[in-house]
N, C-alpha and C. Protein backbone atom coordinates (compact mmCIF):
# COMPACT_ATOMS: atom_id res chain seq x y z
N MET A 1 86.81 196.17 36.45
CA MET A 1 86.01 195.48 37.46
C MET A 1 84.90 196.40 37.93
N ASP A 2 83.71 195.90 37.96
CA ASP A 2 82.53 196.66 38.33
C ASP A 2 82.44 196.87 39.85
N ASP A 3 83.03 195.96 40.62
CA ASP A 3 82.86 196.00 42.06
C ASP A 3 84.11 196.49 42.78
N ILE A 4 84.54 197.70 42.46
CA ILE A 4 85.72 198.28 43.09
C ILE A 4 85.32 199.56 43.81
N SER A 5 86.07 199.87 44.85
CA SER A 5 85.81 201.09 45.61
C SER A 5 85.80 202.30 44.69
N ILE A 6 84.99 203.26 45.02
CA ILE A 6 84.95 204.52 44.27
C ILE A 6 86.21 205.34 44.58
N PHE A 7 86.99 204.88 45.56
CA PHE A 7 88.25 205.52 45.94
C PHE A 7 89.43 204.59 45.65
N PRO A 8 89.91 204.56 44.40
CA PRO A 8 90.95 203.61 44.03
C PRO A 8 92.39 204.10 44.26
N ASP A 9 92.59 205.40 44.51
CA ASP A 9 93.93 205.96 44.60
C ASP A 9 94.52 205.78 45.99
N LYS A 10 95.58 204.96 46.08
CA LYS A 10 96.23 204.67 47.35
C LYS A 10 96.73 205.93 48.05
N LEU A 11 97.11 206.92 47.29
CA LEU A 11 97.68 208.14 47.85
C LEU A 11 96.61 209.14 48.31
N ALA A 12 95.35 208.87 48.02
CA ALA A 12 94.27 209.80 48.38
C ALA A 12 93.31 209.12 49.35
N LYS A 13 93.69 209.06 50.63
CA LYS A 13 92.83 208.47 51.65
C LYS A 13 91.53 209.28 51.73
N PRO A 14 90.39 208.62 51.64
CA PRO A 14 89.12 209.35 51.65
C PRO A 14 88.90 210.13 52.94
N GLU A 15 88.27 211.27 52.79
CA GLU A 15 87.88 212.10 53.93
C GLU A 15 86.36 212.18 53.96
N GLN A 16 85.82 212.69 55.04
CA GLN A 16 84.36 212.75 55.19
C GLN A 16 83.71 213.50 54.02
N LYS A 17 84.30 214.60 53.60
CA LYS A 17 83.71 215.38 52.49
C LYS A 17 83.67 214.55 51.20
N ASP A 18 84.67 213.71 50.97
CA ASP A 18 84.70 212.85 49.79
C ASP A 18 83.56 211.83 49.87
N LEU A 19 83.38 211.30 51.06
CA LEU A 19 82.34 210.29 51.27
C LEU A 19 80.95 210.90 51.06
N ILE A 20 80.73 212.07 51.61
CA ILE A 20 79.43 212.76 51.46
C ILE A 20 79.16 213.02 49.98
N ALA A 21 80.16 213.50 49.25
CA ALA A 21 79.99 213.82 47.83
C ALA A 21 79.72 212.57 47.01
N THR A 22 80.38 211.48 47.33
CA THR A 22 80.27 210.25 46.56
C THR A 22 78.99 209.47 46.86
N LEU A 23 78.64 209.39 48.14
CA LEU A 23 77.49 208.58 48.53
C LEU A 23 76.15 209.29 48.36
N GLY A 24 76.17 210.60 48.40
CA GLY A 24 74.91 211.34 48.29
C GLY A 24 73.98 211.00 49.44
N THR A 25 72.73 210.66 49.12
CA THR A 25 71.75 210.38 50.17
C THR A 25 72.06 209.11 50.95
N SER A 26 72.90 208.23 50.42
CA SER A 26 73.28 207.01 51.14
C SER A 26 74.22 207.29 52.31
N TYR A 27 74.80 208.49 52.33
CA TYR A 27 75.72 208.83 53.42
C TYR A 27 75.02 208.71 54.78
N GLU A 28 73.76 209.09 54.84
CA GLU A 28 73.02 208.99 56.11
C GLU A 28 72.91 207.53 56.57
N LEU A 29 72.72 206.61 55.63
CA LEU A 29 72.66 205.18 55.98
C LEU A 29 74.02 204.71 56.50
N TRP A 30 75.10 205.19 55.88
CA TRP A 30 76.47 204.86 56.32
C TRP A 30 76.62 205.26 57.80
N THR A 31 76.26 206.50 58.11
CA THR A 31 76.43 206.98 59.49
C THR A 31 75.52 206.24 60.46
N GLN A 32 74.33 205.87 60.01
CA GLN A 32 73.42 205.11 60.88
C GLN A 32 74.02 203.76 61.25
N ILE A 33 74.56 203.06 60.25
CA ILE A 33 75.15 201.74 60.51
C ILE A 33 76.40 201.88 61.37
N GLU A 34 77.19 202.88 61.10
CA GLU A 34 78.38 203.11 61.93
C GLU A 34 77.97 203.36 63.40
N LYS A 35 76.93 204.13 63.61
CA LYS A 35 76.44 204.40 64.97
C LYS A 35 75.89 203.14 65.63
N ILE A 36 75.23 202.29 64.86
CA ILE A 36 74.71 201.02 65.41
C ILE A 36 75.88 200.19 65.94
N VAL A 37 76.92 200.03 65.12
CA VAL A 37 78.07 199.21 65.52
C VAL A 37 78.74 199.81 66.75
N MET A 38 79.03 201.10 66.71
CA MET A 38 79.74 201.72 67.82
C MET A 38 78.87 201.78 69.09
N GLY A 39 77.56 201.83 68.92
CA GLY A 39 76.66 201.78 70.07
C GLY A 39 76.67 200.42 70.74
N LYS A 40 76.78 199.37 69.96
CA LYS A 40 76.79 198.02 70.48
C LYS A 40 78.19 197.59 70.93
N TYR A 41 79.22 198.22 70.33
CA TYR A 41 80.60 197.87 70.67
C TYR A 41 81.42 199.16 70.73
N PRO A 42 81.29 199.91 71.85
CA PRO A 42 81.95 201.22 71.95
C PRO A 42 83.48 201.16 71.84
N ALA A 43 84.08 200.01 72.10
CA ALA A 43 85.53 199.88 72.00
C ALA A 43 86.00 199.64 70.56
N GLY A 44 85.07 199.67 69.61
CA GLY A 44 85.42 199.42 68.22
C GLY A 44 86.42 200.44 67.69
N LEU A 45 87.33 199.96 66.89
CA LEU A 45 88.33 200.81 66.25
C LEU A 45 87.95 200.98 64.80
N SER A 46 87.77 202.22 64.35
CA SER A 46 87.40 202.45 62.96
C SER A 46 88.60 202.97 62.19
N GLU A 47 88.73 202.51 60.95
CA GLU A 47 89.88 202.92 60.15
C GLU A 47 89.61 202.69 58.67
N TRP A 48 90.26 203.53 57.86
CA TRP A 48 90.28 203.31 56.43
C TRP A 48 91.37 202.30 56.14
N ASN A 49 91.12 201.44 55.17
CA ASN A 49 92.06 200.37 54.84
C ASN A 49 92.22 200.32 53.32
N TYR A 50 93.44 200.09 52.88
CA TYR A 50 93.71 199.96 51.45
C TYR A 50 94.35 198.59 51.21
N PRO A 51 93.53 197.56 50.92
CA PRO A 51 94.08 196.22 50.73
C PRO A 51 94.79 196.02 49.38
N GLY A 52 94.65 196.98 48.48
CA GLY A 52 95.33 196.87 47.19
C GLY A 52 94.56 197.54 46.07
N LYS A 53 95.23 197.68 44.95
CA LYS A 53 94.67 198.35 43.77
C LYS A 53 93.39 197.69 43.27
N LYS A 54 93.32 196.37 43.42
CA LYS A 54 92.17 195.61 42.94
C LYS A 54 90.87 195.99 43.67
N TYR A 55 91.00 196.46 44.93
CA TYR A 55 89.81 196.76 45.74
C TYR A 55 89.63 198.23 46.08
N GLY A 56 90.71 198.98 46.17
CA GLY A 56 90.63 200.38 46.56
C GLY A 56 90.38 200.53 48.05
N TRP A 57 90.04 201.74 48.46
CA TRP A 57 89.83 202.04 49.88
C TRP A 57 88.52 201.47 50.40
N SER A 58 88.57 200.94 51.62
CA SER A 58 87.37 200.52 52.35
C SER A 58 87.52 201.01 53.79
N TYR A 59 86.43 200.98 54.49
CA TYR A 59 86.40 201.45 55.87
C TYR A 59 85.96 200.27 56.72
N ARG A 60 86.57 200.09 57.86
CA ARG A 60 86.16 198.97 58.69
C ARG A 60 86.12 199.37 60.15
N ILE A 61 85.32 198.64 60.89
CA ILE A 61 85.28 198.76 62.34
C ILE A 61 85.67 197.40 62.87
N LYS A 62 86.64 197.38 63.77
CA LYS A 62 87.14 196.10 64.26
C LYS A 62 87.32 196.11 65.77
N ASP A 63 87.46 194.92 66.31
CA ASP A 63 87.87 194.81 67.70
C ASP A 63 89.38 194.58 67.67
N LYS A 64 89.96 194.09 68.72
CA LYS A 64 91.42 193.96 68.75
C LYS A 64 91.95 192.94 67.73
N LYS A 65 91.15 191.91 67.42
CA LYS A 65 91.64 190.83 66.58
C LYS A 65 91.00 190.70 65.21
N ARG A 66 89.79 191.19 65.05
CA ARG A 66 89.08 190.90 63.80
C ARG A 66 88.19 192.07 63.39
N ALA A 67 87.86 192.08 62.13
CA ALA A 67 86.92 193.09 61.63
C ALA A 67 85.50 192.69 62.01
N ILE A 68 84.74 193.66 62.47
CA ILE A 68 83.33 193.43 62.77
C ILE A 68 82.51 193.66 61.49
N ILE A 69 82.81 194.76 60.80
CA ILE A 69 82.08 195.12 59.58
C ILE A 69 83.00 195.92 58.67
N TYR A 70 82.80 195.74 57.38
CA TYR A 70 83.50 196.52 56.36
C TYR A 70 82.46 197.38 55.64
N PHE A 71 82.85 198.61 55.32
CA PHE A 71 82.03 199.49 54.49
C PHE A 71 82.77 199.67 53.18
N LEU A 72 82.12 199.37 52.08
CA LEU A 72 82.75 199.42 50.76
C LEU A 72 82.06 200.50 49.93
N PRO A 73 82.67 201.69 49.82
CA PRO A 73 82.02 202.80 49.12
C PRO A 73 81.94 202.60 47.61
N ARG A 74 80.77 202.87 47.05
CA ARG A 74 80.53 202.80 45.63
C ARG A 74 79.93 204.14 45.20
N ASN A 75 79.55 204.26 43.95
CA ASN A 75 78.97 205.51 43.46
C ASN A 75 77.50 205.60 43.84
N LYS A 76 77.16 206.48 44.77
CA LYS A 76 75.80 206.76 45.25
C LYS A 76 75.23 205.68 46.16
N TYR A 77 76.02 204.69 46.53
CA TYR A 77 75.61 203.69 47.51
C TYR A 77 76.86 203.06 48.09
N PHE A 78 76.70 202.10 48.96
CA PHE A 78 77.84 201.37 49.50
C PHE A 78 77.41 199.95 49.82
N LYS A 79 78.38 199.14 50.10
CA LYS A 79 78.12 197.77 50.52
C LYS A 79 78.66 197.62 51.94
N VAL A 80 78.05 196.74 52.69
CA VAL A 80 78.64 196.32 53.95
C VAL A 80 79.05 194.87 53.75
N ALA A 81 80.15 194.50 54.38
CA ALA A 81 80.64 193.14 54.25
C ALA A 81 80.93 192.57 55.64
N PHE A 82 80.66 191.29 55.76
CA PHE A 82 80.90 190.56 57.00
C PHE A 82 81.57 189.24 56.67
N VAL A 83 82.29 188.69 57.63
CA VAL A 83 82.78 187.32 57.55
C VAL A 83 82.24 186.60 58.78
N PHE A 84 81.56 185.49 58.54
CA PHE A 84 80.93 184.74 59.63
C PHE A 84 81.51 183.34 59.74
N GLY A 85 81.82 182.93 60.97
CA GLY A 85 82.22 181.55 61.24
C GLY A 85 81.00 180.65 61.21
N GLN A 86 81.23 179.36 61.47
CA GLN A 86 80.13 178.39 61.34
C GLN A 86 79.01 178.61 62.34
N LYS A 87 79.32 178.91 63.60
CA LYS A 87 78.25 179.12 64.60
C LYS A 87 77.38 180.31 64.21
N ALA A 88 78.02 181.38 63.78
CA ALA A 88 77.26 182.57 63.36
C ALA A 88 76.42 182.25 62.12
N THR A 89 77.00 181.53 61.17
CA THR A 89 76.28 181.14 59.96
C THR A 89 75.05 180.32 60.32
N ASP A 90 75.21 179.37 61.23
CA ASP A 90 74.07 178.54 61.65
C ASP A 90 72.97 179.41 62.25
N GLU A 91 73.35 180.38 63.08
CA GLU A 91 72.34 181.26 63.70
C GLU A 91 71.64 182.12 62.65
N ILE A 92 72.39 182.61 61.68
CA ILE A 92 71.78 183.41 60.62
C ILE A 92 70.75 182.59 59.85
N MET A 93 71.10 181.35 59.56
CA MET A 93 70.18 180.49 58.81
C MET A 93 68.88 180.22 59.57
N GLU A 94 68.92 180.30 60.89
CA GLU A 94 67.73 180.08 61.72
C GLU A 94 66.99 181.38 62.05
N SER A 95 67.53 182.51 61.61
CA SER A 95 66.98 183.82 61.98
C SER A 95 65.91 184.29 60.99
N THR A 96 65.44 185.50 61.23
CA THR A 96 64.45 186.12 60.36
C THR A 96 65.10 187.00 59.27
N ILE A 97 66.41 186.91 59.15
CA ILE A 97 67.13 187.67 58.12
C ILE A 97 66.62 187.23 56.75
N SER A 98 66.64 188.16 55.79
CA SER A 98 66.06 187.90 54.47
C SER A 98 66.64 186.67 53.78
N ALA A 99 65.79 186.02 53.01
CA ALA A 99 66.19 184.82 52.27
C ALA A 99 67.33 185.11 51.30
N ASP A 100 67.37 186.31 50.73
CA ASP A 100 68.45 186.66 49.80
C ASP A 100 69.80 186.64 50.50
N ILE A 101 69.86 187.20 51.70
CA ILE A 101 71.13 187.21 52.45
C ILE A 101 71.51 185.79 52.86
N LYS A 102 70.54 185.03 53.31
CA LYS A 102 70.82 183.63 53.69
C LYS A 102 71.35 182.85 52.49
N SER A 103 70.74 183.06 51.34
CA SER A 103 71.17 182.37 50.13
C SER A 103 72.61 182.74 49.76
N GLU A 104 72.90 184.04 49.82
CA GLU A 104 74.26 184.48 49.50
C GLU A 104 75.27 183.88 50.47
N LEU A 105 74.92 183.84 51.74
CA LEU A 105 75.82 183.27 52.75
C LEU A 105 76.02 181.78 52.51
N GLU A 106 74.95 181.11 52.19
CA GLU A 106 75.02 179.67 51.94
C GLU A 106 75.91 179.35 50.74
N GLN A 107 75.87 180.21 49.72
CA GLN A 107 76.65 180.00 48.51
C GLN A 107 78.08 180.52 48.60
N ALA A 108 78.38 181.29 49.65
CA ALA A 108 79.71 181.89 49.78
C ALA A 108 80.75 180.80 50.00
N THR A 109 81.92 181.02 49.44
CA THR A 109 83.03 180.09 49.62
C THR A 109 83.43 180.08 51.09
N LYS A 110 83.68 178.88 51.59
CA LYS A 110 84.06 178.74 53.00
C LYS A 110 85.58 178.75 53.11
N TYR A 111 86.08 179.72 53.88
CA TYR A 111 87.52 179.84 54.14
C TYR A 111 87.77 179.53 55.61
N ALA A 112 89.02 179.48 56.00
CA ALA A 112 89.38 179.19 57.39
C ALA A 112 88.71 180.17 58.35
N GLU A 113 88.65 181.44 57.96
CA GLU A 113 88.07 182.46 58.84
C GLU A 113 86.55 182.52 58.74
N GLY A 114 85.97 181.82 57.78
CA GLY A 114 84.52 181.79 57.65
C GLY A 114 84.05 182.11 56.24
N ARG A 115 82.78 182.46 56.14
CA ARG A 115 82.16 182.81 54.86
C ARG A 115 81.94 184.32 54.81
N GLY A 116 82.29 184.91 53.69
CA GLY A 116 82.13 186.35 53.55
C GLY A 116 80.95 186.70 52.65
N ILE A 117 80.22 187.74 53.06
CA ILE A 117 79.13 188.24 52.23
C ILE A 117 79.22 189.76 52.12
N ARG A 118 78.69 190.26 51.02
CA ARG A 118 78.59 191.70 50.78
C ARG A 118 77.13 192.03 50.49
N ILE A 119 76.68 193.09 51.11
CA ILE A 119 75.28 193.47 50.98
C ILE A 119 75.19 194.91 50.50
N ASP A 120 74.46 195.14 49.41
CA ASP A 120 74.24 196.50 48.92
C ASP A 120 73.37 197.27 49.91
N VAL A 121 73.79 198.50 50.19
CA VAL A 121 73.01 199.37 51.07
C VAL A 121 72.65 200.61 50.25
N ASN A 122 71.40 200.67 49.84
CA ASN A 122 70.94 201.83 49.08
C ASN A 122 69.55 202.27 49.51
N SER A 123 69.02 201.65 50.59
CA SER A 123 67.77 202.13 51.19
C SER A 123 67.72 201.66 52.64
N SER A 124 66.90 202.33 53.42
CA SER A 124 66.80 202.00 54.85
C SER A 124 66.12 200.64 55.08
N SER A 125 65.52 200.06 54.07
CA SER A 125 64.83 198.78 54.25
C SER A 125 65.79 197.65 54.64
N ILE A 126 67.07 197.82 54.36
CA ILE A 126 68.06 196.78 54.68
C ILE A 126 68.54 196.88 56.13
N LEU A 127 68.27 198.00 56.79
CA LEU A 127 68.81 198.23 58.14
C LEU A 127 68.44 197.16 59.17
N PRO A 128 67.20 196.67 59.23
CA PRO A 128 66.90 195.62 60.23
C PRO A 128 67.77 194.36 60.05
N ASP A 129 68.00 193.95 58.80
CA ASP A 129 68.86 192.79 58.57
C ASP A 129 70.30 193.09 58.96
N VAL A 130 70.79 194.27 58.60
CA VAL A 130 72.17 194.64 58.95
C VAL A 130 72.34 194.69 60.47
N ARG A 131 71.36 195.25 61.15
CA ARG A 131 71.41 195.31 62.63
C ARG A 131 71.49 193.91 63.22
N GLN A 132 70.70 193.00 62.69
CA GLN A 132 70.70 191.62 63.18
C GLN A 132 72.04 190.94 62.87
N LEU A 133 72.60 191.19 61.70
CA LEU A 133 73.91 190.62 61.35
C LEU A 133 75.01 191.15 62.28
N ILE A 134 74.94 192.42 62.63
CA ILE A 134 75.91 193.01 63.56
C ILE A 134 75.80 192.31 64.92
N ASP A 135 74.57 192.12 65.39
CA ASP A 135 74.37 191.44 66.68
C ASP A 135 74.98 190.03 66.66
N ILE A 136 74.74 189.31 65.58
CA ILE A 136 75.26 187.94 65.48
C ILE A 136 76.79 187.96 65.38
N LYS A 137 77.33 188.89 64.62
CA LYS A 137 78.79 189.00 64.49
C LYS A 137 79.43 189.26 65.85
N LEU A 138 78.84 190.16 66.63
CA LEU A 138 79.41 190.50 67.94
C LEU A 138 79.25 189.35 68.94
N LYS A 139 78.26 188.51 68.73
CA LYS A 139 78.03 187.38 69.63
C LYS A 139 79.11 186.30 69.48
N TYR A 140 79.61 186.15 68.25
CA TYR A 140 80.60 185.10 67.98
C TYR A 140 81.93 185.73 67.66
């Protein structure tokens, strides 16, 4: 599978040094997004999560009940993932967020908890959209 965490070993929980080595210059974007989330939601709980061999390790920031954002480490870049309910989805569709993200959200399978999307983060140009998605996620 092409879309699996760069950290597949359940027994080797990633550490900051592993993340820096794997992400390279994208590590700064990771920390920027993490700071945005924690700045907007200081009570956020951050943790590494291992949902299974198929996905490998991921990092998430959550509130007491739900994940706000997932960070999915890859080789030299990472993805952020969100799950949006219908109200949030409607707001995203009316926003200035990029057409590519809107299209992906529109095409995402709808589950009870909402629609999930994954966004590649490999340059700072994506940060305004990610910031707006974080705001919408925290609103709903």
